[in-house]
């Protein structure tokens, strides 16, 4: 992930997002990880953008939705280190 201040001017970019990362490495055999994150956020009416890499996932939420996203994920039983 690149901090917004590092994106050159003139480059088309969506700004105002926060990235929440799954901390532990994930194996390809683990299923439902994204669903367990996306479901509570959808029920809280929070739009997300998912970035998946080889060994982990990131959930991007708008700055204005960060507090609600954290509350929704905690209520769903996710442990968050912020």
PDB file of N, CA and C in Angstrom:
ATOM      1  N   UNK A   1       0.840  -1.167   0.000  1.00  0.00           N
ATOM      2  CA  UNK A   1       0.000   0.000   0.000  1.00  0.00           C
ATOM      3  C   UNK A   1       0.898   1.248   0.000  1.00  0.00           C
ATOM      4  N   UNK A   2       0.440   2.262  -0.688  1.00  0.00           N
ATOM      5  CA  UNK A   2       1.214   3.496  -0.811  1.00  0.00           C
ATOM      6  C   UNK A   2       0.482   4.623  -0.090  1.00  0.00           C
ATOM      7  N   UNK A   3       1.176   5.357   0.784  1.00  0.00           N
ATOM      8  CA  UNK A   3       0.532   6.516   1.407  1.00  0.00           C
ATOM      9  C   UNK A   3       0.095   7.517   0.336  1.00  0.00           C
ATOM     10  N   UNK A   4      -1.041   8.138   0.536  1.00  0.00           N
ATOM     11  CA  UNK A   4      -1.569   9.073  -0.469  1.00  0.00           C
ATOM     12  C   UNK A   4      -0.577  10.155  -0.833  1.00  0.00           C
ATOM     13  N   UNK A   5       0.193  10.620   0.124  1.00  0.00           N
ATOM     14  CA  UNK A   5       1.131  11.720  -0.151  1.00  0.00           C
ATOM     15  C   UNK A   5       2.214  11.316  -1.151  1.00  0.00           C
ATOM     16  N   UNK A   6       2.403  10.019  -1.370  1.00  0.00           N
ATOM     17  CA  UNK A   6       3.427   9.533  -2.290  1.00  0.00           C
ATOM     18  C   UNK A   6       2.911   9.371  -3.715  1.00  0.00           C
ATOM     19  N   UNK A   7       1.601   9.488  -3.908  1.00  0.00           N
ATOM     20  CA  UNK A   7       1.039   9.368  -5.255  1.00  0.00           C
ATOM     21  C   UNK A   7       1.304  10.679  -5.989  1.00  0.00           C
ATOM     22  N   UNK A   8       1.995  10.627  -7.120  1.00  0.00           N
ATOM     23  CA  UNK A   8       2.314  11.855  -7.851  1.00  0.00           C
ATOM     24  C   UNK A   8       1.060  12.608  -8.292  1.00  0.00           C
ATOM     25  N   UNK A   9       1.163  13.913  -8.311  1.00  0.00           N
ATOM     26  CA  UNK A   9       0.063  14.735  -8.827  1.00  0.00           C
ATOM     27  C   UNK A   9      -0.177  14.371 -10.283  1.00  0.00           C
ATOM     28  N   UNK A  10      -1.424  14.424 -10.670  1.00  0.00           N
ATOM     29  CA  UNK A  10      -1.771  14.101 -12.044  1.00  0.00           C
ATOM     30  C   UNK A  10      -2.055  12.623 -12.270  1.00  0.00           C
ATOM     31  N   UNK A  11      -1.735  11.801 -11.296  1.00  0.00           N
ATOM     32  CA  UNK A  11      -2.027  10.374 -11.411  1.00  0.00           C
ATOM     33  C   UNK A  11      -3.441  10.151 -10.901  1.00  0.00           C
ATOM     34  N   UNK A  12      -4.250   9.484 -11.706  1.00  0.00           N
ATOM     35  CA  UNK A  12      -5.621   9.197 -11.286  1.00  0.00           C
ATOM     36  C   UNK A  12      -5.586   8.229 -10.106  1.00  0.00           C
ATOM     37  N   UNK A  13      -6.207   8.646  -9.016  1.00  0.00           N
ATOM     38  CA  UNK A  13      -6.188   7.815  -7.811  1.00  0.00           C
ATOM     39  C   UNK A  13      -7.436   8.096  -6.984  1.00  0.00           C
ATOM     40  N   UNK A  14      -7.957   7.054  -6.373  1.00  0.00           N
ATOM     41  CA  UNK A  14      -9.030   7.220  -5.402  1.00  0.00           C
ATOM     42  C   UNK A  14      -8.363   7.502  -4.074  1.00  0.00           C
ATOM     43  N   UNK A  15      -8.770   8.567  -3.433  1.00  0.00           N
ATOM     44  CA  UNK A  15      -8.145   8.960  -2.172  1.00  0.00           C
ATOM     45  C   UNK A  15      -9.146   8.812  -1.035  1.00  0.00           C
ATOM     46  N   UNK A  16      -8.630   8.869   0.178  1.00  0.00           N
ATOM     47  CA  UNK A  16      -9.498   8.829   1.341  1.00  0.00           C
ATOM     48  C   UNK A  16      -9.855   7.432   1.808  1.00  0.00           C
ATOM     49  N   UNK A  17      -8.951   6.481   1.615  1.00  0.00           N
ATOM     50  CA  UNK A  17      -9.183   5.112   2.060  1.00  0.00           C
ATOM     51  C   UNK A  17      -8.243   4.747   3.197  1.00  0.00           C
ATOM     52  N   UNK A  18      -8.693   3.818   4.023  1.00  0.00           N
ATOM     53  CA  UNK A  18      -7.859   3.199   5.060  1.00  0.00           C
ATOM     54  C   UNK A  18      -7.789   1.709   4.761  1.00  0.00           C
ATOM     55  N   UNK A  19      -6.634   1.130   4.948  1.00  0.00           N
ATOM     56  CA  UNK A  19      -6.450  -0.302   4.691  1.00  0.00           C
ATOM     57  C   UNK A  19      -6.409  -1.062   6.007  1.00  0.00           C
ATOM     58  N   UNK A  20      -7.214  -2.102   6.081  1.00  0.00           N
ATOM     59  CA  UNK A  20      -7.199  -3.021   7.210  1.00  0.00           C
ATOM     60  C   UNK A  20      -6.642  -4.335   6.693  1.00  0.00           C
ATOM     61  N   UNK A  21      -5.548  -4.796   7.278  1.00  0.00           N
ATOM     62  CA  UNK A  21      -4.901  -6.005   6.785  1.00  0.00           C
ATOM     63  C   UNK A  21      -5.099  -7.186   7.713  1.00  0.00           C
ATOM     64  N   UNK A  22      -5.241  -8.351   7.109  1.00  0.00           N
ATOM     65  CA  UNK A  22      -5.274  -9.592   7.877  1.00  0.00           C
ATOM     66  C   UNK A  22      -3.819  -9.873   8.262  1.00  0.00           C
ATOM     67  N   UNK A  23      -3.541  -9.958   9.557  1.00  0.00           N
ATOM     68  CA  UNK A  23      -2.142 -10.027  10.002  1.00  0.00           C
ATOM     69  C   UNK A  23      -1.456 -11.348   9.753  1.00  0.00           C
ATOM     70  N   UNK A  24      -2.126 -12.437   9.991  1.00  0.00           N
ATOM     71  CA  UNK A  24      -1.423 -13.709   9.857  1.00  0.00           C
ATOM     72  C   UNK A  24      -1.375 -14.129   8.399  1.00  0.00           C
ATOM     73  N   UNK A  25      -0.320 -14.812   8.013  1.00  0.00           N
ATOM     74  CA  UNK A  25      -0.285 -15.314   6.639  1.00  0.00           C
ATOM     75  C   UNK A  25      -1.431 -16.302   6.413  1.00  0.00           C
ATOM     76  N   UNK A  26      -2.024 -16.218   5.255  1.00  0.00           N
ATOM     77  CA  UNK A  26      -3.127 -17.101   4.885  1.00  0.00           C
ATOM     78  C   UNK A  26      -2.639 -18.126   3.875  1.00  0.00           C
ATOM     79  N   UNK A  27      -3.189 -19.317   3.972  1.00  0.00           N
ATOM     80  CA  UNK A  27      -2.894 -20.330   2.962  1.00  0.00           C
ATOM     81  C   UNK A  27      -4.049 -20.356   1.971  1.00  0.00           C
ATOM     82  N   UNK A  28      -3.782 -20.870   0.787  1.00  0.00           N
ATOM     83  CA  UNK A  28      -4.805 -20.904  -0.244  1.00  0.00           C
ATOM     84  C   UNK A  28      -5.970 -21.811   0.136  1.00  0.00           C
ATOM     85  N   UNK A  29      -5.735 -22.733   1.053  1.00  0.00           N
ATOM     86  CA  UNK A  29      -6.796 -23.658   1.455  1.00  0.00           C
ATOM     87  C   UNK A  29      -7.785 -23.039   2.448  1.00  0.00           C
ATOM     88  N   UNK A  30      -7.461 -21.875   2.992  1.00  0.00           N
ATOM     89  CA  UNK A  30      -8.383 -21.223   3.925  1.00  0.00           C
ATOM     90  C   UNK A  30      -9.485 -20.529   3.119  1.00  0.00           C
ATOM     91  N   UNK A  31     -10.714 -20.928   3.377  1.00  0.00           N
ATOM     92  CA  UNK A  31     -11.834 -20.353   2.629  1.00  0.00           C
ATOM     93  C   UNK A  31     -12.710 -19.528   3.563  1.00  0.00           C
ATOM     94  N   UNK A  32     -13.376 -18.542   3.001  1.00  0.00           N
ATOM     95  CA  UNK A  32     -14.325 -17.748   3.763  1.00  0.00           C
ATOM     96  C   UNK A  32     -13.741 -16.569   4.507  1.00  0.00           C
ATOM     97  N   UNK A  33     -12.451 -16.320   4.364  1.00  0.00           N
ATOM     98  CA  UNK A  33     -11.826 -15.211   5.092  1.00  0.00           C
ATOM     99  C   UNK A  33     -12.423 -13.886   4.648  1.00  0.00           C
ATOM    100  N   UNK A  34     -12.450 -13.648   3.352  1.00  0.00           N
ATOM    101  CA  UNK A  34     -13.002 -12.390   2.843  1.00  0.00           C
ATOM    102  C   UNK A  34     -14.483 -12.286   3.176  1.00  0.00           C
ATOM    103  N   UNK A  35     -15.214 -13.382   3.072  1.00  0.00           N
ATOM    104  CA  UNK A  35     -16.645 -13.368   3.392  1.00  0.00           C
ATOM    105  C   UNK A  35     -16.879 -13.003   4.854  1.00  0.00           C
ATOM    106  N   UNK A  36     -16.004 -13.489   5.747  1.00  0.00           N
ATOM    107  CA  UNK A  36     -16.182 -13.187   7.170  1.00  0.00           C
ATOM    108  C   UNK A  36     -15.936 -11.719   7.474  1.00  0.00           C
ATOM    109  N   UNK A  37     -15.199 -11.044   6.613  1.00  0.00           N
ATOM    110  CA  UNK A  37     -14.955  -9.608   6.766  1.00  0.00           C
ATOM    111  C   UNK A  37     -16.010  -8.797   6.013  1.00  0.00           C
ATOM    112  N   UNK A  38     -16.328  -9.223   4.805  1.00  0.00           N
ATOM    113  CA  UNK A  38     -17.258  -8.473   3.959  1.00  0.00           C
ATOM    114  C   UNK A  38     -18.685  -8.524   4.481  1.00  0.00           C
ATOM    115  N   UNK A  39     -19.102  -9.660   5.028  1.00  0.00           N
ATOM    116  CA  UNK A  39     -20.478  -9.802   5.506  1.00  0.00           C
ATOM    117  C   UNK A  39     -20.869  -8.778   6.552  1.00  0.00           C
ATOM    118  N   UNK A  40     -20.126  -8.678   7.659  1.00  0.00           N
ATOM    119  CA  UNK A  40     -20.473  -7.685   8.677  1.00  0.00           C
ATOM    120  C   UNK A  40     -20.427  -6.248   8.149  1.00  0.00           C
ATOM    121  N   UNK A  41     -19.496  -5.978   7.249  1.00  0.00           N
ATOM    122  CA  UNK A  41     -19.399  -4.623   6.703  1.00  0.00           C
ATOM    123  C   UNK A  41     -20.567  -4.330   5.772  1.00  0.00           C
ATOM    124  N   UNK A  42     -21.002  -5.309   5.010  1.00  0.00           N
ATOM    125  CA  UNK A  42     -22.177  -5.122   4.149  1.00  0.00           C
ATOM    126  C   UNK A  42     -23.421  -4.871   4.993  1.00  0.00           C
ATOM    127  N   UNK A  43     -23.562  -5.637   6.076  1.00  0.00           N
ATOM    128  CA  UNK A  43     -24.724  -5.433   6.953  1.00  0.00           C
ATOM    129  C   UNK A  43     -24.700  -4.056   7.599  1.00  0.00           C
ATOM    130  N   UNK A  44     -23.499  -3.511   7.807  1.00  0.00           N
ATOM    131  CA  UNK A  44     -23.362  -2.160   8.359  1.00  0.00           C
ATOM    132  C   UNK A  44     -23.427  -1.097   7.255  1.00  0.00           C
ATOM    133  N   UNK A  45     -23.661  -1.543   6.012  1.00  0.00           N
ATOM    134  CA  UNK A  45     -23.786  -0.658   4.853  1.00  0.00           C
ATOM    135  C   UNK A  45     -22.505   0.139   4.590  1.00  0.00           C
ATOM    136  N   UNK A  46     -21.372  -0.551   4.752  1.00  0.00           N
ATOM    137  CA  UNK A  46     -20.068   0.056   4.509  1.00  0.00           C
ATOM    138  C   UNK A  46     -19.485  -0.566   3.248  1.00  0.00           C
ATOM    139  N   UNK A  47     -19.217   0.285   2.265  1.00  0.00           N
ATOM    140  CA  UNK A  47     -18.610  -0.176   1.011  1.00  0.00           C
ATOM    141  C   UNK A  47     -17.148  -0.514   1.244  1.00  0.00           C
ATOM    142  N   UNK A  48     -16.680  -1.543   0.549  1.00  0.00           N
ATOM    143  CA  UNK A  48     -15.297  -1.971   0.709  1.00  0.00           C
ATOM    144  C   UNK A  48     -14.654  -2.216  -0.646  1.00  0.00           C
ATOM    145  N   UNK A  49     -13.349  -2.247  -0.627  1.00  0.00           N
ATOM    146  CA  UNK A  49     -12.543  -2.653  -1.771  1.00  0.00           C
ATOM    147  C   UNK A  49     -11.557  -3.670  -1.227  1.00  0.00           C
ATOM    148  N   UNK A  50     -11.512  -4.859  -1.803  1.00  0.00           N
ATOM    149  CA  UNK A  50     -10.660  -5.935  -1.321  1.00  0.00           C
ATOM    150  C   UNK A  50      -9.429  -6.068  -2.213  1.00  0.00           C
ATOM    151  N   UNK A  51      -8.280  -6.193  -1.592  1.00  0.00           N
ATOM    152  CA  UNK A  51      -7.042  -6.499  -2.291  1.00  0.00           C
ATOM    153  C   UNK A  51      -6.514  -7.784  -1.676  1.00  0.00           C
ATOM    154  N   UNK A  52      -6.359  -8.801  -2.499  1.00  0.00           N
ATOM    155  CA  UNK A  52      -5.832 -10.084  -2.032  1.00  0.00           C
ATOM    156  C   UNK A  52      -4.455 -10.307  -2.629  1.00  0.00           C
ATOM    157  N   UNK A  53      -3.533 -10.722  -1.781  1.00  0.00           N
ATOM    158  CA  UNK A  53      -2.192 -11.048  -2.237  1.00  0.00           C
ATOM    159  C   UNK A  53      -1.977 -12.548  -2.044  1.00  0.00           C
ATOM    160  N   UNK A  54      -0.782 -13.006  -2.293  1.00  0.00           N
ATOM    161  CA  UNK A  54      -0.493 -14.428  -2.178  1.00  0.00           C
ATOM    162  C   UNK A  54      -0.781 -14.964  -0.787  1.00  0.00           C
ATOM    163  N   UNK A  55      -0.449 -14.190   0.249  1.00  0.00           N
ATOM    164  CA  UNK A  55      -0.575 -14.734   1.599  1.00  0.00           C
ATOM    165  C   UNK A  55      -1.418 -13.918   2.571  1.00  0.00           C
ATOM    166  N   UNK A  56      -2.081 -12.877   2.102  1.00  0.00           N
ATOM    167  CA  UNK A  56      -2.963 -12.125   3.002  1.00  0.00           C
ATOM    168  C   UNK A  56      -3.988 -11.327   2.204  1.00  0.00           C
ATOM    169  N   UNK A  57      -4.896 -10.700   2.912  1.00  0.00           N
ATOM    170  CA  UNK A  57      -5.937  -9.875   2.293  1.00  0.00           C
ATOM    171  C   UNK A  57      -5.969  -8.518   2.978  1.00  0.00           C
ATOM    172  N   UNK A  58      -6.421  -7.516   2.231  1.00  0.00           N
ATOM    173  CA  UNK A  58      -6.604  -6.169   2.762  1.00  0.00           C
ATOM    174  C   UNK A  58      -8.024  -5.734   2.435  1.00  0.00           C
ATOM    175  N   UNK A  59      -8.648  -5.080   3.403  1.00  0.00           N
ATOM    176  CA  UNK A  59      -9.971  -4.492   3.204  1.00  0.00           C
ATOM    177  C   UNK A  59      -9.786  -2.986   3.263  1.00  0.00           C
ATOM    178  N   UNK A  60     -10.149  -2.299   2.193  1.00  0.00           N
ATOM    179  CA  UNK A  60     -10.056  -0.847   2.173  1.00  0.00           C
ATOM    180  C   UNK A  60     -11.435  -0.262   2.397  1.00  0.00           C
ATOM    181  N   UNK A  61     -11.509   0.693   3.314  1.00  0.00           N
ATOM    182  CA  UNK A  61     -12.751   1.402   3.604  1.00  0.00           C
ATOM    183  C   UNK A  61     -12.463   2.899   3.539  1.00  0.00           C
ATOM    184  N   UNK A  62     -13.488   3.657   3.262  1.00  0.00           N
ATOM    185  CA  UNK A  62     -13.340   5.112   3.241  1.00  0.00           C
ATOM    186  C   UNK A  62     -12.992   5.609   4.647  1.00  0.00           C
ATOM    187  N   UNK A  63     -12.206   6.690   4.703  1.00  0.00           N
ATOM    188  CA  UNK A  63     -11.847   7.295   5.991  1.00  0.00           C
ATOM    189  C   UNK A  63     -13.079   7.502   6.871  1.00  0.00           C
ATOM    190  N   UNK A  64     -14.125   8.037   6.269  1.00  0.00           N
ATOM    191  CA  UNK A  64     -15.327   8.373   7.040  1.00  0.00           C
ATOM    192  C   UNK A  64     -16.030   7.139   7.610  1.00  0.00           C
ATOM    193  N   UNK A  65     -15.746   5.967   7.057  1.00  0.00           N
ATOM    194  CA  UNK A  65     -16.386   4.727   7.503  1.00  0.00           C
ATOM    195  C   UNK A  65     -15.524   3.901   8.445  1.00  0.00           C
ATOM    196  N   UNK A  66     -14.319   4.372   8.752  1.00  0.00           N
ATOM    197  CA  UNK A  66     -13.396   3.559   9.534  1.00  0.00           C
ATOM    198  C   UNK A  66     -13.969   3.185  10.903  1.00  0.00           C
ATOM    199  N   UNK A  67     -14.512   4.140  11.637  1.00  0.00           N
ATOM    200  CA  UNK A  67     -15.066   3.843  12.961  1.00  0.00           C
ATOM    201  C   UNK A  67     -16.174   2.811  12.904  1.00  0.00           C
ATOM    202  N   UNK A  68     -17.091   2.963  11.969  1.00  0.00           N
ATOM    203  CA  UNK A  68     -18.187   2.007  11.814  1.00  0.00           C
ATOM    204  C   UNK A  68     -17.685   0.639  11.392  1.00  0.00           C
ATOM    205  N   UNK A  69     -16.650   0.617  10.549  1.00  0.00           N
ATOM    206  CA  UNK A  69     -16.081  -0.656  10.106  1.00  0.00           C
ATOM    207  C   UNK A  69     -15.444  -1.391  11.277  1.00  0.00           C
ATOM    208  N   UNK A  70     -14.710  -0.679  12.094  1.00  0.00           N
ATOM    209  CA  UNK A  70     -14.075  -1.304  13.253  1.00  0.00           C
ATOM    210  C   UNK A  70     -15.123  -1.843  14.221  1.00  0.00           C
ATOM    211  N   UNK A  71     -16.171  -1.079  14.448  1.00  0.00           N
ATOM    212  CA  UNK A  71     -17.248  -1.543  15.339  1.00  0.00           C
ATOM    213  C   UNK A  71     -17.924  -2.792  14.780  1.00  0.00           C
ATOM    214  N   UNK A  72     -18.217  -2.788  13.485  1.00  0.00           N
ATOM    215  CA  UNK A  72     -18.893  -3.932  12.858  1.00  0.00           C
ATOM    216  C   UNK A  72     -18.022  -5.182  12.912  1.00  0.00           C
ATOM    217  N   UNK A  73     -16.744  -5.031  12.657  1.00  0.00           N
ATOM    218  CA  UNK A  73     -15.854  -6.194  12.675  1.00  0.00           C
ATOM    219  C   UNK A  73     -15.673  -6.735  14.094  1.00  0.00           C
ATOM    220  N   UNK A  74     -15.544  -5.846  15.064  1.00  0.00           N
ATOM    221  CA  UNK A  74     -15.449  -6.300  16.464  1.00  0.00           C
ATOM    222  C   UNK A  74     -16.719  -7.021  16.886  1.00  0.00           C
ATOM    223  N   UNK A  75     -17.870  -6.464  16.525  1.00  0.00           N
ATOM    224  CA  UNK A  75     -19.150  -7.086  16.890  1.00  0.00           C
ATOM    225  C   UNK A  75     -19.280  -8.471  16.260  1.00  0.00           C
ATOM    226  N   UNK A  76     -18.624  -8.687  15.134  1.00  0.00           N
ATOM    227  CA  UNK A  76     -18.669  -9.988  14.455  1.00  0.00           C
ATOM    228  C   UNK A  76     -17.636 -10.962  15.021  1.00  0.00           C
ATOM    229  N   UNK A  77     -16.873 -10.509  16.011  1.00  0.00           N
ATOM    230  CA  UNK A  77     -15.914 -11.404  16.666  1.00  0.00           C
ATOM    231  C   UNK A  77     -14.481 -11.316  16.165  1.00  0.00           C
ATOM    232  N   UNK A  78     -14.189 -10.359  15.293  1.00  0.00           N
ATOM    233  CA  UNK A  78     -12.819 -10.205  14.816  1.00  0.00           C
ATOM    234  C   UNK A  78     -11.988  -9.453  15.854  1.00  0.00           C
ATOM    235  N   UNK A  79     -10.764  -9.896  16.038  1.00  0.00           N
ATOM    236  CA  UNK A  79      -9.836  -9.188  16.919  1.00  0.00           C
ATOM    237  C   UNK A  79      -9.070  -8.172  16.081  1.00  0.00           C
ATOM    238  N   UNK A  80      -9.067  -6.933  16.525  1.00  0.00           N
ATOM    239  CA  UNK A  80      -8.415  -5.866  15.776  1.00  0.00           C
ATOM    240  C   UNK A  80      -7.291  -5.260  16.591  1.00  0.00           C
ATOM    241  N   UNK A  81      -6.156  -5.093  15.973  1.00  0.00           N
ATOM    242  CA  UNK A  81      -5.017  -4.399  16.581  1.00  0.00           C
ATOM    243  C   UNK A  81      -4.861  -3.080  15.863  1.00  0.00           C
ATOM    244  N   UNK A  82      -5.324  -2.006  16.477  1.00  0.00           N
ATOM    245  CA  UNK A  82      -5.237  -0.687  15.837  1.00  0.00           C
ATOM    246  C   UNK A  82      -4.386   0.250  16.648  1.00  0.00           C
TER     247      UNK A  82
END
